[in-house]
Amino acid sequence: MDEAEYCHRLALMYRGRIIALGEPSALKEQMESHHIMNLESSDPLGSMKALGDYPEILEIAVFGGGLHITVQDTISAEPLVRKVLDAKEIGIQQLEAIRPSMEDIFVAMIEREERKVP
């Protein structure tokens, strides 16, 4: 998905129709409300389960060997993530706010479309 960052124009198709079309920077701007944290922990699956029920955590997706966590606010979410994982004795190797990649944007757009389906 890294190659999408270098395209002049992108189209995202889902279920046979285009749900996004434009320059990568414009598509990212449409999703400005998505604040993403990169988490690398000793137990990614356990981390997903532990964090999944908190309203501050909007979405969790596997990304490489870690997780991308979409949150309402990275400043308040970081201590929450640390507290929850510490309580479960899950070690954190890395936890940082990052700029969303095109893959993050595409996943968010597809999930938004999924929520529209009855």
PDB file of N, CA and C in Angstrom:
ATOM      1  N   MET A   1       0.828  -1.197   0.000  1.00  0.00           N
ATOM      2  CA  MET A   1       0.000   0.000   0.000  1.00  0.00           C
ATOM      3  C   MET A   1       0.872   1.261   0.000  1.00  0.00           C
ATOM      4  N   ASP A   2       2.157   1.115   0.261  1.00  0.00           N
ATOM      5  CA  ASP A   2       3.043   2.283   0.285  1.00  0.00           C
ATOM      6  C   ASP A   2       3.064   3.026  -1.046  1.00  0.00           C
ATOM      7  N   GLU A   3       2.911   2.280  -2.145  1.00  0.00           N
ATOM      8  CA  GLU A   3       2.963   2.914  -3.462  1.00  0.00           C
ATOM      9  C   GLU A   3       1.828   3.910  -3.665  1.00  0.00           C
ATOM     10  N   ALA A   4       0.728   3.748  -2.943  1.00  0.00           N
ATOM     11  CA  ALA A   4      -0.404   4.676  -3.074  1.00  0.00           C
ATOM     12  C   ALA A   4      -0.021   6.088  -2.648  1.00  0.00           C
ATOM     13  N   GLU A   5       0.932   6.203  -1.750  1.00  0.00           N
ATOM     14  CA  GLU A   5       1.391   7.512  -1.280  1.00  0.00           C
ATOM     15  C   GLU A   5       1.992   8.340  -2.421  1.00  0.00           C
ATOM     16  N   TYR A   6       2.501   7.667  -3.456  1.00  0.00           N
ATOM     17  CA  TYR A   6       3.222   8.349  -4.535  1.00  0.00           C
ATOM     18  C   TYR A   6       2.369   8.584  -5.777  1.00  0.00           C
ATOM     19  N   CYS A   7       1.123   8.188  -5.726  1.00  0.00           N
ATOM     20  CA  CYS A   7       0.236   8.375  -6.872  1.00  0.00           C
ATOM     21  C   CYS A   7      -0.263   9.820  -6.938  1.00  0.00           C
ATOM     22  N   HIS A   8      -0.593  10.247  -8.144  1.00  0.00           N
ATOM     23  CA  HIS A   8      -1.160  11.584  -8.320  1.00  0.00           C
ATOM     24  C   HIS A   8      -2.646  11.590  -8.000  1.00  0.00           C
ATOM     25  N   ARG A   9      -3.294  10.461  -8.273  1.00  0.00           N
ATOM     26  CA  ARG A   9      -4.732  10.357  -8.062  1.00  0.00           C
ATOM     27  C   ARG A   9      -5.070   8.905  -7.739  1.00  0.00           C
ATOM     28  N   LEU A  10      -5.970   8.723  -6.799  1.00  0.00           N
ATOM     29  CA  LEU A  10      -6.356   7.385  -6.358  1.00  0.00           C
ATOM     30  C   LEU A  10      -7.864   7.213  -6.420  1.00  0.00           C
ATOM     31  N   ALA A  11      -8.283   5.985  -6.636  1.00  0.00           N
ATOM     32  CA  ALA A  11      -9.690   5.632  -6.515  1.00  0.00           C
ATOM     33  C   ALA A  11      -9.761   4.403  -5.621  1.00  0.00           C
ATOM     34  N   LEU A  12     -10.660   4.438  -4.672  1.00  0.00           N
ATOM     35  CA  LEU A  12     -10.872   3.290  -3.802  1.00  0.00           C
ATOM     36  C   LEU A  12     -12.229   2.686  -4.144  1.00  0.00           C
ATOM     37  N   MET A  13     -12.197   1.429  -4.578  1.00  0.00           N
ATOM     38  CA  MET A  13     -13.437   0.730  -4.907  1.00  0.00           C
ATOM     39  C   MET A  13     -13.768  -0.234  -3.784  1.00  0.00           C
ATOM     40  N   TYR A  14     -15.055  -0.295  -3.477  1.00  0.00           N
ATOM     41  CA  TYR A  14     -15.533  -1.220  -2.460  1.00  0.00           C
ATOM     42  C   TYR A  14     -16.912  -1.704  -2.874  1.00  0.00           C
ATOM     43  N   ARG A  15     -17.074  -3.002  -2.905  1.00  0.00           N
ATOM     44  CA  ARG A  15     -18.331  -3.611  -3.322  1.00  0.00           C
ATOM     45  C   ARG A  15     -18.799  -3.110  -4.688  1.00  0.00           C
ATOM     46  N   GLY A  16     -17.835  -2.983  -5.600  1.00  0.00           N
ATOM     47  CA  GLY A  16     -18.167  -2.646  -6.979  1.00  0.00           C
ATOM     48  C   GLY A  16     -18.420  -1.182  -7.268  1.00  0.00           C
ATOM     49  N   ARG A  17     -18.179  -0.299  -6.299  1.00  0.00           N
ATOM     50  CA  ARG A  17     -18.369   1.127  -6.590  1.00  0.00           C
ATOM     51  C   ARG A  17     -17.244   1.935  -5.964  1.00  0.00           C
ATOM     52  N   ILE A  18     -16.998   3.093  -6.548  1.00  0.00           N
ATOM     53  CA  ILE A  18     -15.945   3.979  -6.055  1.00  0.00           C
ATOM     54  C   ILE A  18     -16.464   4.718  -4.829  1.00  0.00           C
ATOM     55  N   ILE A  19     -15.731   4.592  -3.709  1.00  0.00           N
ATOM     56  CA  ILE A  19     -16.132   5.283  -2.483  1.00  0.00           C
ATOM     57  C   ILE A  19     -15.202   6.452  -2.159  1.00  0.00           C
ATOM     58  N   ALA A  20     -14.079   6.544  -2.877  1.00  0.00           N
ATOM     59  CA  ALA A  20     -13.171   7.671  -2.685  1.00  0.00           C
ATOM     60  C   ALA A  20     -12.382   7.891  -3.964  1.00  0.00           C
ATOM     61  N   LEU A  21     -12.167   9.160  -4.297  1.00  0.00           N
ATOM     62  CA  LEU A  21     -11.438   9.511  -5.506  1.00  0.00           C
ATOM     63  C   LEU A  21     -10.738  10.840  -5.270  1.00  0.00           C
ATOM     64  N   GLY A  22      -9.436  10.879  -5.548  1.00  0.00           N
ATOM     65  CA  GLY A  22      -8.719  12.138  -5.414  1.00  0.00           C
ATOM     66  C   GLY A  22      -7.237  11.942  -5.162  1.00  0.00           C
ATOM     67  N   GLU A  23      -6.558  13.046  -4.896  1.00  0.00           N
ATOM     68  CA  GLU A  23      -5.139  13.019  -4.573  1.00  0.00           C
ATOM     69  C   GLU A  23      -4.959  12.453  -3.167  1.00  0.00           C
ATOM     70  N   PRO A  24      -3.851  11.752  -2.908  1.00  0.00           N
ATOM     71  CA  PRO A  24      -3.635  11.203  -1.564  1.00  0.00           C
ATOM     72  C   PRO A  24      -3.767  12.250  -0.458  1.00  0.00           C
ATOM     73  N   SER A  25      -3.223  13.433  -0.676  1.00  0.00           N
ATOM     74  CA  SER A  25      -3.295  14.468   0.364  1.00  0.00           C
ATOM     75  C   SER A  25      -4.738  14.894   0.625  1.00  0.00           C
ATOM     76  N   ALA A  26      -5.550  14.969  -0.426  1.00  0.00           N
ATOM     77  CA  ALA A  26      -6.959  15.354  -0.264  1.00  0.00           C
ATOM     78  C   ALA A  26      -7.750  14.272   0.463  1.00  0.00           C
ATOM     79  N   LEU A  27      -7.456  13.012   0.154  1.00  0.00           N
ATOM     80  CA  LEU A  27      -8.143  11.919   0.841  1.00  0.00           C
ATOM     81  C   LEU A  27      -7.777  11.899   2.321  1.00  0.00           C
ATOM     82  N   LYS A  28      -6.525  12.200   2.619  1.00  0.00           N
ATOM     83  CA  LYS A  28      -6.097  12.258   4.022  1.00  0.00           C
ATOM     84  C   LYS A  28      -6.796  13.401   4.755  1.00  0.00           C
ATOM     85  N   GLU A  29      -6.949  14.535   4.083  1.00  0.00           N
ATOM     86  CA  GLU A  29      -7.620  15.678   4.705  1.00  0.00           C
ATOM     87  C   GLU A  29      -9.071  15.362   5.046  1.00  0.00           C
ATOM     88  N   GLN A  30      -9.719  14.540   4.234  1.00  0.00           N
ATOM     89  CA  GLN A  30     -11.103  14.145   4.509  1.00  0.00           C
ATOM     90  C   GLN A  30     -11.214  13.362   5.805  1.00  0.00           C
ATOM     91  N   MET A  31     -10.135  12.755   6.225  1.00  0.00           N
ATOM     92  CA  MET A  31     -10.158  11.902   7.409  1.00  0.00           C
ATOM     93  C   MET A  31      -9.358  12.540   8.553  1.00  0.00           C
ATOM     94  N   GLU A  32      -9.327  13.878   8.601  1.00  0.00           N
ATOM     95  CA  GLU A  32      -8.551  14.577   9.629  1.00  0.00           C
ATOM     96  C   GLU A  32      -8.939  14.193  11.046  1.00  0.00           C
ATOM     97  N   SER A  33     -10.168  13.784  11.252  1.00  0.00           N
ATOM     98  CA  SER A  33     -10.615  13.444  12.599  1.00  0.00           C
ATOM     99  C   SER A  33     -10.027  12.120  13.091  1.00  0.00           C
ATOM    100  N   HIS A  34      -9.347  11.403  12.225  1.00  0.00           N
ATOM    101  CA  HIS A  34      -8.743  10.141  12.633  1.00  0.00           C
ATOM    102  C   HIS A  34      -7.363  10.383  13.221  1.00  0.00           C
ATOM    103  N   HIS A  35      -7.253  10.131  14.496  1.00  0.00           N
ATOM    104  CA  HIS A  35      -5.977  10.242  15.194  1.00  0.00           C
ATOM    105  C   HIS A  35      -5.497   8.823  15.455  1.00  0.00           C
ATOM    106  N   ILE A  36      -4.302   8.526  14.992  1.00  0.00           N
ATOM    107  CA  ILE A  36      -3.824   7.147  15.040  1.00  0.00           C
ATOM    108  C   ILE A  36      -2.573   7.037  15.891  1.00  0.00           C
ATOM    109  N   MET A  37      -2.554   5.977  16.672  1.00  0.00           N
ATOM    110  CA  MET A  37      -1.393   5.657  17.479  1.00  0.00           C
ATOM    111  C   MET A  37      -0.853   4.310  17.011  1.00  0.00           C
ATOM    112  N   ASN A  38       0.461   4.220  16.918  1.00  0.00           N
ATOM    113  CA  ASN A  38       1.118   2.964  16.583  1.00  0.00           C
ATOM    114  C   ASN A  38       1.506   2.292  17.893  1.00  0.00           C
ATOM    115  N   LEU A  39       1.091   1.045  18.059  1.00  0.00           N
ATOM    116  CA  LEU A  39       1.399   0.283  19.266  1.00  0.00           C
ATOM    117  C   LEU A  39       2.137  -0.982  18.894  1.00  0.00           C
ATOM    118  N   GLU A  40       3.286  -1.161  19.490  1.00  0.00           N
ATOM    119  CA  GLU A  40       4.002  -2.429  19.404  1.00  0.00           C
ATOM    120  C   GLU A  40       4.086  -2.947  20.824  1.00  0.00           C
ATOM    121  N   SER A  41       3.496  -4.128  21.031  1.00  0.00           N
ATOM    122  CA  SER A  41       3.443  -4.692  22.374  1.00  0.00           C
ATOM    123  C   SER A  41       3.904  -6.147  22.363  1.00  0.00           C
ATOM    124  N   SER A  42       4.058  -6.695  23.557  1.00  0.00           N
ATOM    125  CA  SER A  42       4.481  -8.083  23.690  1.00  0.00           C
ATOM    126  C   SER A  42       3.362  -9.057  23.316  1.00  0.00           C
ATOM    127  N   ASP A  43       2.121  -8.572  23.241  1.00  0.00           N
ATOM    128  CA  ASP A  43       0.973  -9.416  22.929  1.00  0.00           C
ATOM    129  C   ASP A  43      -0.065  -8.612  22.131  1.00  0.00           C
ATOM    130  N   PRO A  44       0.103  -8.517  20.806  1.00  0.00           N
ATOM    131  CA  PRO A  44      -0.840  -7.725  20.006  1.00  0.00           C
ATOM    132  C   PRO A  44      -2.294  -8.177  20.127  1.00  0.00           C
ATOM    133  N   LEU A  45      -2.551  -9.478  20.088  1.00  0.00           N
ATOM    134  CA  LEU A  45      -3.923  -9.964  20.200  1.00  0.00           C
ATOM    135  C   LEU A  45      -4.507  -9.641  21.583  1.00  0.00           C
ATOM    136  N   GLY A  46      -3.721  -9.859  22.625  1.00  0.00           N
ATOM    137  CA  GLY A  46      -4.164  -9.505  23.975  1.00  0.00           C
ATOM    138  C   GLY A  46      -4.406  -8.013  24.112  1.00  0.00           C
ATOM    139  N   SER A  47      -3.584  -7.212  23.437  1.00  0.00           N
ATOM    140  CA  SER A  47      -3.761  -5.757  23.458  1.00  0.00           C
ATOM    141  C   SER A  47      -5.077  -5.371  22.807  1.00  0.00           C
ATOM    142  N   MET A  48      -5.397  -6.013  21.668  1.00  0.00           N
ATOM    143  CA  MET A  48      -6.661  -5.733  20.986  1.00  0.00           C
ATOM    144  C   MET A  48      -7.844  -6.053  21.895  1.00  0.00           C
ATOM    145  N   LYS A  49      -7.788  -7.201  22.533  1.00  0.00           N
ATOM    146  CA  LYS A  49      -8.880  -7.609  23.420  1.00  0.00           C
ATOM    147  C   LYS A  49      -9.003  -6.666  24.607  1.00  0.00           C
ATOM    148  N   ALA A  50      -7.882  -6.285  25.185  1.00  0.00           N
ATOM    149  CA  ALA A  50      -7.892  -5.433  26.376  1.00  0.00           C
ATOM    150  C   ALA A  50      -8.411  -4.033  26.075  1.00  0.00           C
ATOM    151  N   LEU A  51      -8.114  -3.501  24.896  1.00  0.00           N
ATOM    152  CA  LEU A  51      -8.468  -2.115  24.561  1.00  0.00           C
ATOM    153  C   LEU A  51      -9.799  -1.985  23.832  1.00  0.00           C
ATOM    154  N   GLY A  52     -10.360  -3.079  23.386  1.00  0.00           N
ATOM    155  CA  GLY A  52     -11.522  -3.046  22.515  1.00  0.00           C
ATOM    156  C   GLY A  52     -12.799  -2.458  23.077  1.00  0.00           C
ATOM    157  N   ASP A  53     -12.957  -2.411  24.390  1.00  0.00           N
ATOM    158  CA  ASP A  53     -14.229  -1.969  24.974  1.00  0.00           C
ATOM    159  C   ASP A  53     -14.230  -0.540  25.494  1.00  0.00           C
ATOM    160  N   TYR A  54     -13.220   0.221  25.200  1.00  0.00           N
ATOM    161  CA  TYR A  54     -13.147   1.599  25.702  1.00  0.00           C
ATOM    162  C   TYR A  54     -13.665   2.571  24.651  1.00  0.00           C
ATOM    163  N   PRO A  55     -14.576   3.478  25.027  1.00  0.00           N
ATOM    164  CA  PRO A  55     -15.146   4.408  24.040  1.00  0.00           C
ATOM    165  C   PRO A  55     -14.113   5.364  23.439  1.00  0.00           C
ATOM    166  N   GLU A  56     -13.012   5.594  24.128  1.00  0.00           N
ATOM    167  CA  GLU A  56     -11.959   6.462  23.592  1.00  0.00           C
ATOM    168  C   GLU A  56     -11.221   5.814  22.428  1.00  0.00           C
ATOM    169  N   ILE A  57     -11.295   4.483  22.365  1.00  0.00           N
ATOM    170  CA  ILE A  57     -10.653   3.715  21.297  1.00  0.00           C
ATOM    171  C   ILE A  57     -11.704   3.469  20.223  1.00  0.00           C
ATOM    172  N   LEU A  58     -11.544   4.105  19.078  1.00  0.00           N
ATOM    173  CA  LEU A  58     -12.548   4.008  18.015  1.00  0.00           C
ATOM    174  C   LEU A  58     -12.381   2.747  17.174  1.00  0.00           C
ATOM    175  N   GLU A  59     -11.138   2.418  16.835  1.00  0.00           N
ATOM    176  CA  GLU A  59     -10.862   1.254  15.995  1.00  0.00           C
ATOM    177  C   GLU A  59      -9.472   0.737  16.318  1.00  0.00           C
ATOM    178  N   ILE A  60      -9.290  -0.563  16.127  1.00  0.00           N
ATOM    179  CA  ILE A  60      -7.973  -1.180  16.280  1.00  0.00           C
ATOM    180  C   ILE A  60      -7.760  -2.078  15.074  1.00  0.00           C
ATOM    181  N   ALA A  61      -6.616  -1.915  14.414  1.00  0.00           N
ATOM    182  CA  ALA A  61      -6.310  -2.733  13.237  1.00  0.00           C
ATOM    183  C   ALA A  61      -4.879  -3.242  13.321  1.00  0.00           C
ATOM    184  N   VAL A  62      -4.690  -4.473  12.881  1.00  0.00           N
ATOM    185  CA  VAL A  62      -3.345  -5.039  12.803  1.00  0.00           C
ATOM    186  C   VAL A  62      -2.605  -4.312  11.688  1.00  0.00           C
ATOM    187  N   PHE A  63      -1.390  -3.922  11.980  1.00  0.00           N
ATOM    188  CA  PHE A  63      -0.564  -3.225  10.996  1.00  0.00           C
ATOM    189  C   PHE A  63       0.854  -3.749  11.147  1.00  0.00           C
ATOM    190  N   GLY A  64       1.272  -4.594  10.200  1.00  0.00           N
ATOM    191  CA  GLY A  64       2.578  -5.233  10.331  1.00  0.00           C
ATOM    192  C   GLY A  64       2.573  -6.132  11.561  1.00  0.00           C
ATOM    193  N   GLY A  65       3.578  -5.976  12.422  1.00  0.00           N
ATOM    194  CA  GLY A  65       3.664  -6.761  13.648  1.00  0.00           C
ATOM    195  C   GLY A  65       3.031  -6.071  14.833  1.00  0.00           C
ATOM    196  N   GLY A  66       2.435  -4.908  14.594  1.00  0.00           N
ATOM    197  CA  GLY A  66       1.836  -4.147  15.688  1.00  0.00           C
ATOM    198  C   GLY A  66       0.387  -3.809  15.409  1.00  0.00           C
ATOM    199  N   LEU A  67      -0.063  -2.751  16.050  1.00  0.00           N
ATOM    200  CA  LEU A  67      -1.448  -2.313  15.907  1.00  0.00           C
ATOM    201  C   LEU A  67      -1.494  -0.830  15.597  1.00  0.00           C
ATOM    202  N   HIS A  68      -2.482  -0.424  14.824  1.00  0.00           N
ATOM    203  CA  HIS A  68      -2.816   0.980  14.654  1.00  0.00           C
ATOM    204  C   HIS A  68      -4.133   1.187  15.387  1.00  0.00           C
ATOM    205  N   ILE A  69      -4.110   2.095  16.329  1.00  0.00           N
ATOM    206  CA  ILE A  69      -5.264   2.361  17.172  1.00  0.00           C
ATOM    207  C   ILE A  69      -5.805   3.734  16.819  1.00  0.00           C
ATOM    208  N   THR A  70      -7.053   3.797  16.377  1.00  0.00           N
ATOM    209  CA  THR A  70      -7.701   5.070  16.070  1.00  0.00           C
ATOM    210  C   THR A  70      -8.395   5.540  17.330  1.00  0.00           C
ATOM    211  N   VAL A  71      -8.081   6.772  17.728  1.00  0.00           N
ATOM    212  CA  VAL A  71      -8.595   7.321  18.985  1.00  0.00           C
ATOM    213  C   VAL A  71      -9.215   8.690  18.754  1.00  0.00           C
ATOM    214  N   GLN A  72     -10.016   9.131  19.720  1.00  0.00           N
ATOM    215  CA  GLN A  72     -10.599  10.467  19.643  1.00  0.00           C
ATOM    216  C   GLN A  72      -9.530  11.528  19.861  1.00  0.00           C
ATOM    217  N   ASP A  73      -8.617  11.259  20.794  1.00  0.00           N
ATOM    218  CA  ASP A  73      -7.603  12.231  21.162  1.00  0.00           C
ATOM    219  C   ASP A  73      -6.358  11.475  21.637  1.00  0.00           C
ATOM    220  N   THR A  74      -5.240  11.693  20.964  1.00  0.00           N
ATOM    221  CA  THR A  74      -4.027  10.950  21.313  1.00  0.00           C
ATOM    222  C   THR A  74      -3.488  11.322  22.685  1.00  0.00           C
ATOM    223  N   ILE A  75      -3.673  12.557  23.096  1.00  0.00           N
ATOM    224  CA  ILE A  75      -3.126  13.009  24.384  1.00  0.00           C
ATOM    225  C   ILE A  75      -3.795  12.287  25.554  1.00  0.00           C
ATOM    226  N   SER A  76      -5.105  12.129  25.498  1.00  0.00           N
ATOM    227  CA  SER A  76      -5.792  11.436  26.590  1.00  0.00           C
ATOM    228  C   SER A  76      -5.758   9.918  26.414  1.00  0.00           C
ATOM    229  N   ALA A  77      -5.609   9.444  25.189  1.00  0.00           N
ATOM    230  CA  ALA A  77      -5.621   7.996  24.948  1.00  0.00           C
ATOM    231  C   ALA A  77      -4.323   7.328  25.387  1.00  0.00           C
ATOM    232  N   GLU A  78      -3.213   8.020  25.264  1.00  0.00           N
ATOM    233  CA  GLU A  78      -1.933   7.384  25.603  1.00  0.00           C
ATOM    234  C   GLU A  78      -1.891   6.879  27.039  1.00  0.00           C
ATOM    235  N   PRO A  79      -2.244   7.705  28.041  1.00  0.00           N
ATOM    236  CA  PRO A  79      -2.211   7.171  29.412  1.00  0.00           C
ATOM    237  C   PRO A  79      -3.211   6.027  29.621  1.00  0.00           C
ATOM    238  N   LEU A  80      -4.347   6.081  28.943  1.00  0.00           N
ATOM    239  CA  LEU A  80      -5.338   5.011  29.046  1.00  0.00           C
ATOM    240  C   LEU A  80      -4.758   3.700  28.524  1.00  0.00           C
ATOM    241  N   VAL A  81      -4.155   3.749  27.340  1.00  0.00           N
ATOM    242  CA  VAL A  81      -3.568   2.547  26.742  1.00  0.00           C
ATOM    243  C   VAL A  81      -2.493   1.977  27.674  1.00  0.00           C
ATOM    244  N   ARG A  82      -1.639   2.831  28.176  1.00  0.00           N
ATOM    245  CA  ARG A  82      -0.568   2.370  29.086  1.00  0.00           C
ATOM    246  C   ARG A  82      -1.155   1.729  30.343  1.00  0.00           C
ATOM    247  N   LYS A  83      -2.163   2.354  30.919  1.00  0.00           N
ATOM    248  CA  LYS A  83      -2.785   1.849  32.151  1.00  0.00           C
ATOM    249  C   LYS A  83      -3.444   0.488  31.916  1.00  0.00           C
ATOM    250  N   VAL A  84      -4.225   0.379  30.829  1.00  0.00           N
ATOM    251  CA  VAL A  84      -4.943  -0.863  30.530  1.00  0.00           C
ATOM    252  C   VAL A  84      -3.965  -2.004  30.270  1.00  0.00           C
ATOM    253  N   LEU A  85      -2.947  -1.756  29.455  1.00  0.00           N
ATOM    254  CA  LEU A  85      -2.004  -2.822  29.130  1.00  0.00           C
ATOM    255  C   LEU A  85      -1.124  -3.180  30.320  1.00  0.00           C
ATOM    256  N   ASP A  86      -0.790  -2.199  31.140  1.00  0.00           N
ATOM    257  CA  ASP A  86      -0.022  -2.473  32.353  1.00  0.00           C
ATOM    258  C   ASP A  86      -0.820  -3.380  33.290  1.00  0.00           C
ATOM    259  N   ALA A  87      -2.115  -3.118  33.414  1.00  0.00           N
ATOM    260  CA  ALA A  87      -2.985  -3.945  34.265  1.00  0.00           C
ATOM    261  C   ALA A  87      -3.049  -5.391  33.771  1.00  0.00           C
ATOM    262  N   LYS A  88      -2.921  -5.582  32.465  1.00  0.00           N
ATOM    263  CA  LYS A  88      -2.939  -6.925  31.871  1.00  0.00           C
ATOM    264  C   LYS A  88      -1.536  -7.518  31.750  1.00  0.00           C
ATOM    265  N   GLU A  89      -0.543  -6.776  32.254  1.00  0.00           N
ATOM    266  CA  GLU A  89       0.865  -7.186  32.202  1.00  0.00           C
ATOM    267  C   GLU A  89       1.349  -7.428  30.773  1.00  0.00           C
ATOM    268  N   ILE A  90       0.914  -6.550  29.878  1.00  0.00           N
ATOM    269  CA  ILE A  90       1.347  -6.585  28.485  1.00  0.00           C
ATOM    270  C   ILE A  90       2.384  -5.490  28.297  1.00  0.00           C
ATOM    271  N   GLY A  91       3.570  -5.880  27.880  1.00  0.00           N
ATOM    272  CA  GLY A  91       4.661  -4.927  27.702  1.00  0.00           C
ATOM    273  C   GLY A  91       4.491  -4.076  26.457  1.00  0.00           C
ATOM    274  N   ILE A  92       4.854  -2.817  26.571  1.00  0.00           N
ATOM    275  CA  ILE A  92       4.781  -1.882  25.444  1.00  0.00           C
ATOM    276  C   ILE A  92       6.201  -1.583  24.970  1.00  0.00           C
ATOM    277  N   GLN A  93       6.489  -1.923  23.713  1.00  0.00           N
ATOM    278  CA  GLN A  93       7.781  -1.568  23.132  1.00  0.00           C
ATOM    279  C   GLN A  93       7.733  -0.177  22.507  1.00  0.00           C
ATOM    280  N   GLN A  94       6.577   0.169  21.936  1.00  0.00           N
ATOM    281  CA  GLN A  94       6.430   1.475  21.300  1.00  0.00           C
ATOM    282  C   GLN A  94       4.967   1.887  21.315  1.00  0.00           C
ATOM    283  N   LEU A  95       4.730   3.146  21.658  1.00  0.00           N
ATOM    284  CA  LEU A  95       3.394   3.731  21.602  1.00  0.00           C
ATOM    285  C   LEU A  95       3.578   5.193  21.237  1.00  0.00           C
ATOM    286  N   GLU A  96       3.122   5.559  20.038  1.00  0.00           N
ATOM    287  CA  GLU A  96       3.304   6.933  19.585  1.00  0.00           C
ATOM    288  C   GLU A  96       2.208   7.338  18.616  1.00  0.00           C
ATOM    289  N   ALA A  97       1.895   8.610  18.610  1.00  0.00           N
ATOM    290  CA  ALA A  97       0.958   9.165  17.636  1.00  0.00           C
ATOM    291  C   ALA A  97       1.665   9.221  16.285  1.00  0.00           C
ATOM    292  N   ILE A  98       0.945   8.842  15.235  1.00  0.00           N
ATOM    293  CA  ILE A  98       1.522   8.860  13.887  1.00  0.00           C
ATOM    294  C   ILE A  98       0.539   9.498  12.922  1.00  0.00           C
ATOM    295  N   ARG A  99       1.053   9.917  11.785  1.00  0.00           N
ATOM    296  CA  ARG A  99       0.184  10.403  10.708  1.00  0.00           C
ATOM    297  C   ARG A  99      -0.408   9.201  10.011  1.00  0.00           C
ATOM    298  N   PRO A 100      -1.693   9.248   9.679  1.00  0.00           N
ATOM    299  CA  PRO A 100      -2.313   8.101   9.008  1.00  0.00           C
ATOM    300  C   PRO A 100      -1.685   7.845   7.639  1.00  0.00           C
ATOM    301  N   SER A 101      -1.459   6.575   7.351  1.00  0.00           N
ATOM    302  CA  SER A 101      -0.982   6.176   6.032  1.00  0.00           C
ATOM    303  C   SER A 101      -2.193   6.023   5.115  1.00  0.00           C
ATOM    304  N   MET A 102      -1.953   5.838   3.835  1.00  0.00           N
ATOM    305  CA  MET A 102      -3.072   5.609   2.911  1.00  0.00           C
ATOM    306  C   MET A 102      -3.803   4.325   3.282  1.00  0.00           C
ATOM    307  N   GLU A 103      -3.084   3.333   3.781  1.00  0.00           N
ATOM    308  CA  GLU A 103      -3.749   2.105   4.207  1.00  0.00           C
ATOM    309  C   GLU A 103      -4.710   2.397   5.362  1.00  0.00           C
ATOM    310  N   ASP A 104      -4.278   3.221   6.317  1.00  0.00           N
ATOM    311  CA  ASP A 104      -5.162   3.612   7.421  1.00  0.00           C
ATOM    312  C   ASP A 104      -6.402   4.321   6.890  1.00  0.00           C
ATOM    313  N   ILE A 105      -6.199   5.203   5.926  1.00  0.00           N
ATOM    314  CA  ILE A 105      -7.307   5.962   5.353  1.00  0.00           C
ATOM    315  C   ILE A 105      -8.269   5.022   4.641  1.00  0.00           C
ATOM    316  N   PHE A 106      -7.741   4.104   3.836  1.00  0.00           N
ATOM    317  CA  PHE A 106      -8.592   3.159   3.122  1.00  0.00           C
ATOM    318  C   PHE A 106      -9.381   2.279   4.092  1.00  0.00           C
ATOM    319  N   VAL A 107      -8.722   1.785   5.126  1.00  0.00           N
ATOM    320  CA  VAL A 107      -9.417   0.950   6.113  1.00  0.00           C
ATOM    321  C   VAL A 107     -10.547   1.748   6.765  1.00  0.00           C
ATOM    322  N   ALA A 108     -10.274   2.992   7.133  1.00  0.00           N
ATOM    323  CA  ALA A 108     -11.306   3.833   7.768  1.00  0.00           C
ATOM    324  C   ALA A 108     -12.479   4.072   6.820  1.00  0.00           C
ATOM    325  N   MET A 109     -12.195   4.311   5.550  1.00  0.00           N
ATOM    326  CA  MET A 109     -13.262   4.552   4.582  1.00  0.00           C
ATOM    327  C   MET A 109     -14.114   3.307   4.363  1.00  0.00           C
ATOM    328  N   ILE A 110     -13.474   2.154   4.305  1.00  0.00           N
ATOM    329  CA  ILE A 110     -14.218   0.906   4.132  1.00  0.00           C
ATOM    330  C   ILE A 110     -15.063   0.624   5.365  1.00  0.00           C
ATOM    331  N   GLU A 111     -14.512   0.853   6.541  1.00  0.00           N
ATOM    332  CA  GLU A 111     -15.287   0.642   7.765  1.00  0.00           C
ATOM    333  C   GLU A 111     -16.470   1.601   7.844  1.00  0.00           C
ATOM    334  N   ARG A 112     -16.279   2.822   7.367  1.00  0.00           N
ATOM    335  CA  ARG A 112     -17.381   3.785   7.325  1.00  0.00           C
ATOM    336  C   ARG A 112     -18.483   3.273   6.393  1.00  0.00           C
ATOM    337  N   GLU A 113     -18.102   2.718   5.248  1.00  0.00           N
ATOM    338  CA  GLU A 113     -19.082   2.153   4.320  1.00  0.00           C
ATOM    339  C   GLU A 113     -19.789   0.954   4.938  1.00  0.00           C
ATOM    340  N   GLU A 114     -19.050   0.134   5.665  1.00  0.00           N
ATOM    341  CA  GLU A 114     -19.647  -1.029   6.328  1.00  0.00           C
ATOM    342  C   GLU A 114     -20.720  -0.623   7.322  1.00  0.00           C
ATOM    343  N   ARG A 115     -20.502   0.481   8.018  1.00  0.00           N
ATOM    344  CA  ARG A 115     -21.479   0.949   8.999  1.00  0.00           C
ATOM    345  C   ARG A 115     -22.765   1.427   8.314  1.00  0.00           C
ATOM    346  N   LYS A 116     -22.681   1.792   7.036  1.00  0.00           N
ATOM    347  CA  LYS A 116     -23.862   2.227   6.285  1.00  0.00           C
ATOM    348  C   LYS A 116     -24.747   1.066   5.861  1.00  0.00           C
ATOM    349  N   VAL A 117     -24.158  -0.139   5.735  1.00  0.00           N
ATOM    350  CA  VAL A 117     -24.898  -1.299   5.257  1.00  0.00           C
ATOM    351  C   VAL A 117     -25.848  -1.781   6.363  1.00  0.00           C
ATOM    352  N   PRO A 118     -27.149  -1.939   6.023  1.00  0.00           N
ATOM    353  CA  PRO A 118     -28.112  -2.397   7.050  1.00  0.00           C
ATOM    354  C   PRO A 118     -27.914  -3.842   7.427  1.00  0.00           C
TER     355      PRO A 118
END
